[in-house]
Protein backbone atom coordinates (compact mmCIF):
# COMPACT_ATOMS: atom_id res chain seq x y z
CA UNK A 1 42.69 110.82 124.42
CA UNK A 2 44.03 107.78 122.59
CA UNK A 3 45.39 105.00 124.78
CA UNK A 4 49.17 104.56 124.77
CA UNK A 5 51.25 101.87 126.37
CA UNK A 6 54.39 102.85 128.25
CA UNK A 7 57.40 104.12 126.35
CA UNK A 8 59.34 101.07 127.58
CA UNK A 9 56.68 98.76 126.13
CA UNK A 10 56.95 100.48 122.76
CA UNK A 11 60.74 100.16 122.81
CA UNK A 12 60.93 96.43 123.59
CA UNK A 13 58.62 95.69 120.66
CA UNK A 14 61.79 95.96 118.60
CA UNK A 15 62.66 92.50 119.95
CA UNK A 16 60.11 89.94 118.64
CA UNK A 17 59.05 87.86 121.62
CA UNK A 18 58.95 84.56 119.71
CA UNK A 19 62.56 85.07 118.58
CA UNK A 20 63.59 85.98 122.10
CA UNK A 21 61.93 82.88 123.59
CA UNK A 22 63.68 80.70 121.01
CA UNK A 23 67.04 82.14 122.09
CA UNK A 24 66.12 81.77 125.76
CA UNK A 25 65.44 78.07 125.30
CA UNK A 26 68.59 77.61 123.25
CA UNK A 27 70.89 79.19 125.83
CA UNK A 28 69.30 78.04 129.10
CA UNK A 29 71.35 76.03 131.58
CA UNK A 30 70.33 74.41 134.85
CA UNK A 31 66.84 73.91 136.20
CA UNK A 32 63.82 75.55 134.68
CA UNK A 33 62.85 78.93 136.14
CA UNK A 34 59.74 79.01 138.32
CA UNK A 35 58.60 82.60 137.93
CA UNK A 36 61.75 84.34 136.72
CA UNK A 37 62.72 84.32 133.00
CA UNK A 38 65.45 85.51 130.65
CA UNK A 39 62.92 88.05 129.36
CA UNK A 40 62.59 89.51 132.85
CA UNK A 41 66.37 89.59 133.15
CA UNK A 42 66.69 91.37 129.81
CA UNK A 43 63.98 93.97 130.48
CA UNK A 44 65.42 94.69 133.93
CA UNK A 45 68.99 95.15 132.65
CA UNK A 46 67.91 97.09 129.56
CA UNK A 47 65.88 99.40 131.78
CA UNK A 48 68.89 99.78 134.07
CA UNK A 49 71.01 100.87 131.09
CA UNK A 50 68.43 103.38 129.86
CA UNK A 51 67.78 104.86 133.31
CA UNK A 52 71.32 104.75 134.73
CA UNK A 53 70.75 102.32 137.64
CA UNK A 54 73.92 101.55 139.60
CA UNK A 55 73.25 98.41 141.63
CA UNK A 56 71.13 95.29 141.85
CA UNK A 57 69.17 96.75 144.73
CA UNK A 58 68.56 99.91 142.74
CA UNK A 59 67.27 97.87 139.79
CA UNK A 60 64.96 95.71 141.93
CA UNK A 61 63.53 98.71 143.82
CA UNK A 62 62.96 100.61 140.58
CA UNK A 63 61.19 97.70 138.90
CA UNK A 64 59.10 97.02 142.02
CA UNK A 65 57.97 100.63 142.12
CA UNK A 66 56.80 100.34 138.50
CA UNK A 67 55.25 96.87 138.85
CA UNK A 68 51.81 98.15 137.86
CA UNK A 69 53.17 99.29 134.50
CA UNK A 70 55.17 96.13 133.80
CA UNK A 71 52.62 93.32 134.11
CA UNK A 72 51.56 93.62 130.46
CA UNK A 73 55.21 93.02 129.46
CA UNK A 74 55.25 89.65 131.18
CA UNK A 75 57.71 90.87 133.84
CA UNK A 76 56.99 89.53 137.31
CA UNK A 77 58.53 90.70 140.61
CA UNK A 78 61.94 89.20 141.34
CA UNK A 79 64.55 89.36 144.06
CA UNK A 80 68.05 90.74 143.94
CA UNK A 81 69.51 87.25 144.54
CA UNK A 82 67.56 85.80 141.61
CA UNK A 83 68.77 88.48 139.20
CA UNK A 84 72.34 88.11 140.46
CA UNK A 85 72.28 84.34 140.02
CA UNK A 86 70.94 84.65 136.47
CA UNK A 87 73.68 87.12 135.59
CA UNK A 88 76.35 84.80 136.95
CA UNK A 89 75.14 81.49 135.51
CA UNK A 90 72.98 82.01 132.42
CA UNK A 91 75.16 82.16 129.25
CA UNK A 92 75.86 85.64 127.94
CA UNK A 93 76.01 84.19 124.41
CA UNK A 94 72.25 84.58 124.23
CA UNK A 95 72.54 88.35 124.34
CA UNK A 96 75.43 88.24 121.90
CA UNK A 97 73.18 86.54 119.35
CA UNK A 98 70.35 88.94 120.17
CA UNK A 99 72.77 91.81 119.57
CA UNK A 100 73.82 90.36 116.20
CA UNK A 101 70.20 90.09 115.06
CA UNK A 102 69.45 93.66 116.03
CA UNK A 103 72.68 94.81 114.39
CA UNK A 104 71.51 93.44 111.03
CA UNK A 105 68.27 95.40 111.34
CA UNK A 106 70.17 98.57 112.21
CA UNK A 107 72.59 98.13 109.31
CA UNK A 108 69.66 97.91 106.90
CA UNK A 109 68.48 101.36 108.03
CA UNK A 110 71.81 103.05 108.71
CA UNK A 111 72.84 106.09 106.65
CA UNK A 112 75.73 105.47 104.31
CA UNK A 113 79.22 106.74 105.00
CA UNK A 114 80.21 110.07 103.51
CA UNK A 115 83.11 108.67 101.44
CA UNK A 116 82.80 107.82 97.75
CA UNK A 117 84.20 104.31 98.19
CA UNK A 118 81.53 101.65 97.75
CA UNK A 119 83.16 99.04 99.97
CA UNK A 120 82.47 98.60 103.67
CA UNK A 121 84.62 100.64 106.06
CA UNK A 122 85.47 99.46 109.58
CA UNK A 123 87.25 101.33 112.36
CA UNK A 124 89.23 99.28 114.90
CA UNK A 125 90.25 100.20 118.43
CA UNK A 126 90.23 98.95 122.02
CA UNK A 127 89.54 100.65 125.33
CA UNK A 128 90.63 99.68 128.83
CA UNK A 129 88.13 99.17 131.65
CA UNK A 130 89.76 99.30 135.08
CA UNK A 131 88.70 96.56 137.51
CA UNK A 132 89.67 95.48 141.01
CA UNK A 133 91.83 92.38 140.67
CA UNK A 134 90.64 90.86 143.95
CA UNK A 135 87.02 90.99 142.72
CA UNK A 136 87.72 90.18 139.07
CA UNK A 137 90.61 87.66 139.20
CA UNK A 138 90.08 86.69 135.55
CA UNK A 139 90.83 90.27 134.40
CA UNK A 140 94.63 90.18 134.72
CA UNK A 141 96.56 93.29 133.75
CA UNK A 142 99.42 94.02 136.13
CA UNK A 143 100.66 92.33 139.28
CA UNK A 144 98.42 94.36 141.57
CA UNK A 145 95.92 95.78 139.08
CA UNK A 146 93.05 94.31 137.14
CA UNK A 147 91.54 95.50 133.87
CA UNK A 148 89.52 94.28 130.94
CA UNK A 149 89.98 95.43 127.37
CA UNK A 150 86.94 96.07 125.20
CA UNK A 151 87.72 95.54 121.51
CA UNK A 152 85.38 97.15 118.99
CA UNK A 153 85.18 97.14 115.21
CA UNK A 154 82.89 100.02 114.24
CA UNK A 155 80.92 99.95 111.01
CA UNK A 156 81.27 103.43 109.49
CA UNK A 157 77.71 103.18 108.12
CA UNK A 158 75.83 104.57 111.10
CA UNK A 159 78.80 104.02 113.46
CA UNK A 160 77.51 100.68 114.69
CA UNK A 161 79.65 98.19 116.70
CA UNK A 162 79.93 95.32 114.23
CA UNK A 163 82.72 93.38 116.02
CA UNK A 164 82.92 93.12 119.82
CA UNK A 165 85.16 91.19 122.21
CA UNK A 166 86.25 91.48 125.84
CA UNK A 167 89.64 90.17 126.96
CA UNK A 168 92.05 90.50 129.84
CA UNK A 169 93.65 93.91 130.05
CA UNK A 170 97.06 92.53 129.08
CA UNK A 171 95.76 90.98 125.85
CA UNK A 172 97.23 92.76 122.83
CA UNK A 173 94.90 94.31 120.26
CA UNK A 174 96.50 92.48 117.35
CA UNK A 175 95.40 89.09 118.72
CA UNK A 176 91.76 90.11 118.47
CA UNK A 177 92.32 91.74 115.07
CA UNK A 178 93.69 88.50 113.64
CA UNK A 179 90.44 86.73 114.52
CA UNK A 180 88.23 89.21 112.66
CA UNK A 181 86.41 87.92 109.59
CA UNK A 182 86.26 91.11 107.55
CA UNK A 183 84.34 91.06 104.26
CA UNK A 184 86.46 90.66 101.18
CA UNK A 185 87.21 94.00 99.52
CA UNK A 186 86.42 96.05 102.64
CA UNK A 187 88.51 98.81 104.20
CA UNK A 188 89.77 98.83 107.80
CA UNK A 189 91.33 101.75 109.65
CA UNK A 190 93.38 101.41 112.84
CA UNK A 191 96.12 103.16 114.79
CA UNK A 192 99.77 102.21 115.34
CA UNK A 193 98.85 99.84 118.19
CA UNK A 194 97.91 97.26 115.55
CA UNK A 195 101.28 97.35 113.78
CA UNK A 196 102.15 93.83 112.63
CA UNK A 197 103.72 93.29 109.22
CA UNK A 198 102.62 89.67 108.92
CA UNK A 199 99.01 90.73 109.57
CA UNK A 200 99.37 93.40 106.89
CA UNK A 201 100.35 90.65 104.45
CA UNK A 202 97.36 88.57 105.53
CA UNK A 203 95.06 91.52 104.81
CA UNK A 204 96.57 91.92 101.35
CA UNK A 205 96.06 88.23 100.59
CA UNK A 206 92.43 88.45 101.73
CA UNK A 207 91.85 91.51 99.49
CA UNK A 208 91.22 93.79 102.47
CA UNK A 209 92.55 97.32 102.30
CA UNK A 210 93.87 99.06 105.39
CA UNK A 211 94.89 102.56 106.43
CA UNK A 212 97.10 103.20 109.44
CA UNK A 213 99.88 105.46 110.66
CA UNK A 214 103.48 104.52 110.07
CA UNK A 215 105.63 104.11 113.16
CA UNK A 216 108.49 106.58 113.47
CA UNK A 217 111.08 103.79 113.65
CA UNK A 218 109.68 101.84 110.69
CA UNK A 219 112.26 100.98 108.02
CA UNK A 220 110.88 101.43 104.52
CA UNK A 221 112.45 100.91 101.10
CA UNK A 222 111.33 103.76 98.83
CA UNK A 223 109.85 103.04 95.42
CA UNK A 224 108.16 105.02 92.66
CA UNK A 225 106.45 108.29 93.47
CA UNK A 226 102.89 108.65 92.28
CA UNK A 227 102.47 110.90 89.29
CA UNK A 228 99.96 113.67 88.89
CA UNK A 229 98.93 116.73 90.81
CA UNK A 230 98.94 116.35 94.57
CA UNK A 231 95.92 117.28 96.66
CA UNK A 232 96.29 120.14 99.16
CA UNK A 233 98.19 118.99 102.24
CA UNK A 234 99.80 115.98 100.55
CA UNK A 235 103.58 116.36 100.83
CA UNK A 236 104.56 112.89 99.59
CA UNK A 237 102.81 110.00 97.89
CA UNK A 238 105.16 107.10 97.23
CA UNK A 239 105.19 103.33 96.90
CA UNK A 240 107.32 101.60 99.54
CA UNK A 241 108.29 98.19 100.81
CA UNK A 242 108.48 97.33 104.49
CA UNK A 243 111.71 95.75 105.60
CA UNK A 244 111.27 92.00 105.85
CA UNK A 245 108.16 91.86 103.64
CA UNK A 246 107.55 91.34 99.94
CA UNK A 247 104.38 93.37 99.47
CA UNK A 248 104.05 96.80 97.90
CA UNK A 249 102.56 99.49 100.09
CA UNK A 250 102.01 103.19 99.87
CA UNK A 251 103.43 105.88 102.12
CA UNK A 252 101.64 109.22 102.29
CA UNK A 253 102.97 112.24 104.16
CA UNK A 254 100.14 114.64 104.92
CA UNK A 255 100.11 118.07 106.59
CA UNK A 256 96.91 118.90 108.47
CA UNK A 257 96.45 122.63 107.99
CA UNK A 258 94.07 122.92 110.96
CA UNK A 259 96.51 121.52 113.51
CA UNK A 260 99.79 122.04 111.61
CA UNK A 261 100.68 118.41 112.35
CA UNK A 262 102.38 116.19 109.79
CA UNK A 263 101.20 112.57 109.55
CA UNK A 264 102.77 109.58 107.82
CA UNK A 265 100.19 107.09 106.63
CA UNK A 266 100.68 103.54 105.39
CA UNK A 267 98.14 101.78 103.19
CA UNK A 268 97.81 98.99 100.67
CA UNK A 269 95.09 100.94 98.80
CA UNK A 270 97.00 101.94 95.68
CA UNK A 271 94.12 103.27 93.60
CA UNK A 272 92.44 105.96 95.74
CA UNK A 273 93.48 109.62 96.09
CA UNK A 274 95.99 110.45 98.81
CA UNK A 275 93.57 112.97 100.32
CA UNK A 276 90.99 110.18 100.69
CA UNK A 277 93.53 108.12 102.64
CA UNK A 278 93.97 111.04 105.05
CA UNK A 279 90.19 111.44 105.37
CA UNK A 280 89.77 107.73 106.06
CA UNK A 281 92.24 107.88 108.91
CA UNK A 282 90.59 111.01 110.26
CA UNK A 283 87.35 109.00 110.38
CA UNK A 284 89.00 106.78 112.99
CA UNK A 285 88.22 109.50 115.52
CA UNK A 286 84.61 108.30 115.45
CA UNK A 287 85.49 105.15 117.36
CA UNK A 288 87.14 107.27 120.04
CA UNK A 289 83.87 109.21 120.30
CA UNK A 290 81.97 105.91 120.45
CA UNK A 291 83.98 104.69 123.44
CA UNK A 292 83.57 108.06 125.13
CA UNK A 293 79.80 107.99 124.56
CA UNK A 294 79.13 104.52 125.93
CA UNK A 295 81.35 105.13 128.98
CA UNK A 296 79.57 108.39 129.78
CA UNK A 297 76.01 107.29 129.05
CA UNK A 298 75.82 103.52 129.62
CA UNK A 299 76.91 101.24 132.44
CA UNK A 300 80.10 99.66 131.10
CA UNK A 301 82.59 100.74 133.79
CA UNK A 302 80.93 99.44 136.97
CA UNK A 303 79.39 95.99 137.01
CA UNK A 304 76.59 94.12 138.79
CA UNK A 305 78.54 90.86 139.03
CA UNK A 306 82.16 89.76 139.22
CA UNK A 307 82.31 86.76 136.89
CA UNK A 308 83.25 87.16 133.26
CA UNK A 309 79.80 85.91 132.28
CA UNK A 310 78.08 88.60 134.37
CA UNK A 311 80.33 91.29 132.91
CA UNK A 312 79.75 90.13 129.35
CA UNK A 313 75.99 89.93 129.96
CA UNK A 314 75.99 93.55 131.08
CA UNK A 315 78.15 94.69 128.16
CA UNK A 316 76.05 92.91 125.54
CA UNK A 317 72.85 94.41 126.94
CA UNK A 318 74.50 97.84 127.08
CA UNK A 319 75.38 97.49 123.39
CA UNK A 320 71.82 96.33 122.70
CA UNK A 321 70.65 99.55 124.35
CA UNK A 322 72.96 101.50 122.04
CA UNK A 323 71.50 99.69 119.02
CA UNK A 324 67.96 100.37 120.25
CA UNK A 325 68.68 104.10 120.26
CA UNK A 326 70.35 103.88 116.85
CA UNK A 327 67.47 101.84 115.40
CA UNK A 328 64.85 104.29 116.66
CA UNK A 329 66.87 107.22 115.36
CA UNK A 330 67.36 105.65 111.90
CA UNK A 331 63.79 104.39 111.57
CA UNK A 332 62.06 107.53 112.79
CA UNK A 333 64.60 109.97 111.31
CA UNK A 334 64.67 111.87 114.58
CA UNK A 335 66.80 114.99 114.51
CA UNK A 336 67.86 114.64 118.13
CA UNK A 337 71.26 113.30 119.08
CA UNK A 338 71.39 109.90 120.75
CA UNK A 339 72.34 111.56 124.02
CA UNK A 340 69.27 113.80 123.84
CA UNK A 341 67.13 110.75 123.10
CA UNK A 342 68.57 108.91 126.10
CA UNK A 343 67.94 111.84 128.44
CA UNK A 344 64.30 112.07 127.35
CA UNK A 345 63.84 108.33 127.75
CA UNK A 346 65.26 108.41 131.27
CA UNK A 347 62.50 110.80 132.30
CA UNK A 348 59.63 109.17 130.41
CA UNK A 349 60.39 105.44 130.20
CA UNK A 350 57.39 104.40 132.32
CA UNK A 351 55.04 107.10 131.09
CA UNK A 352 52.01 106.16 128.99
CA UNK A 353 52.53 108.31 125.95
CA UNK A 354 53.40 108.03 122.30
CA UNK A 355 57.12 107.40 121.81
CA UNK A 356 57.43 109.79 118.87
CA UNK A 357 55.63 112.46 120.88
CA UNK A 358 58.67 112.68 123.12
CA UNK A 359 60.77 114.06 120.31
CA UNK A 360 58.21 116.23 118.54
CA UNK A 361 58.84 119.98 118.86
CA UNK A 362 56.75 121.65 121.54
CA UNK A 363 53.77 123.48 120.07
CA UNK A 364 52.20 126.32 122.02
CA UNK A 365 49.04 128.18 121.24
CA UNK A 366 49.54 131.85 120.53
CA UNK A 367 47.46 134.09 122.71
CA UNK A 368 46.20 137.57 121.91
CA UNK A 369 48.95 139.04 124.07
CA UNK A 370 51.56 137.31 121.94
CA UNK A 371 50.30 139.18 118.90
CA UNK A 372 49.82 142.58 120.46
CA UNK A 373 52.46 145.27 120.39
CA UNK A 374 52.33 147.21 123.61
CA UNK A 375 53.32 150.86 123.23
CA UNK A 376 54.39 152.83 126.24
């Protein structure tokens, strides 16, 4: 039988060690570690994400039990206090940069979006993470409640988180959106929570096209109706102006035959079919599914530390875990869903077997009885 390293060892090869050590030196603060390292911290927290560990003690006990299978990774035994201190004090920006490097590799392999538009498409949204205010005093939301808000800009090619930020729960989504540096000519889709007419004008000036829903109380000045045959479901396709602005926009009223719900869309994309505008907004549902997936399958709701740095460290490594699964899926063209991949990894992470063998269909030898037809 051919020798195989552990599945975990095969996974972390995605991260070149020389690049990782360069980042570790760049983002180190305080005294030099004696036996602990940022690599040990990363492997421990990545393993915790992939195996669903809930606490520092759980992580340390799990890694100690597998110590014989970790020595070749350069991971030495460590204490709970050491891991906690690293999470609290060592800058999370290191894992942010590591995430960005892995994101580029994933984007190079990601399948293209299903729409005919050539430009990049991004989906914006934010999700609330409830926190205890007494433990997380920086996460202000209400007088007696704490929360953090995770802002994500999802790349529609492969549904990869291209823009990430964590703010206080009371921070409005539009503040994060204004800071985004979207590529010129790209498309961005968002819901009515991002309504801001001055931002719309900024997007137009930066040659960025957007699709959103029009608020029910929005005041519009009707203009010319678009000529030509309307696509099924399109009830109105008309140029409009928003009160208080000078730009020309497009209002589309669309009836979804599946749900029998009528939607009013607003966009500055004047040269694409109205049905495509409706499809682009429907694509926004993918970011809702993304938030649901990471909250159900990764540790982004309960945290191992209380400082903002510890929380961000955990979130960045959780997103790195998501990119690892996406990268392996894109590279290997595995037919399994990412949830199926994660479940198989949870059971086999420390096993010495070929990674691709986990996802190969089970082959059984046919016996004579399988071929016989028994007549009674």
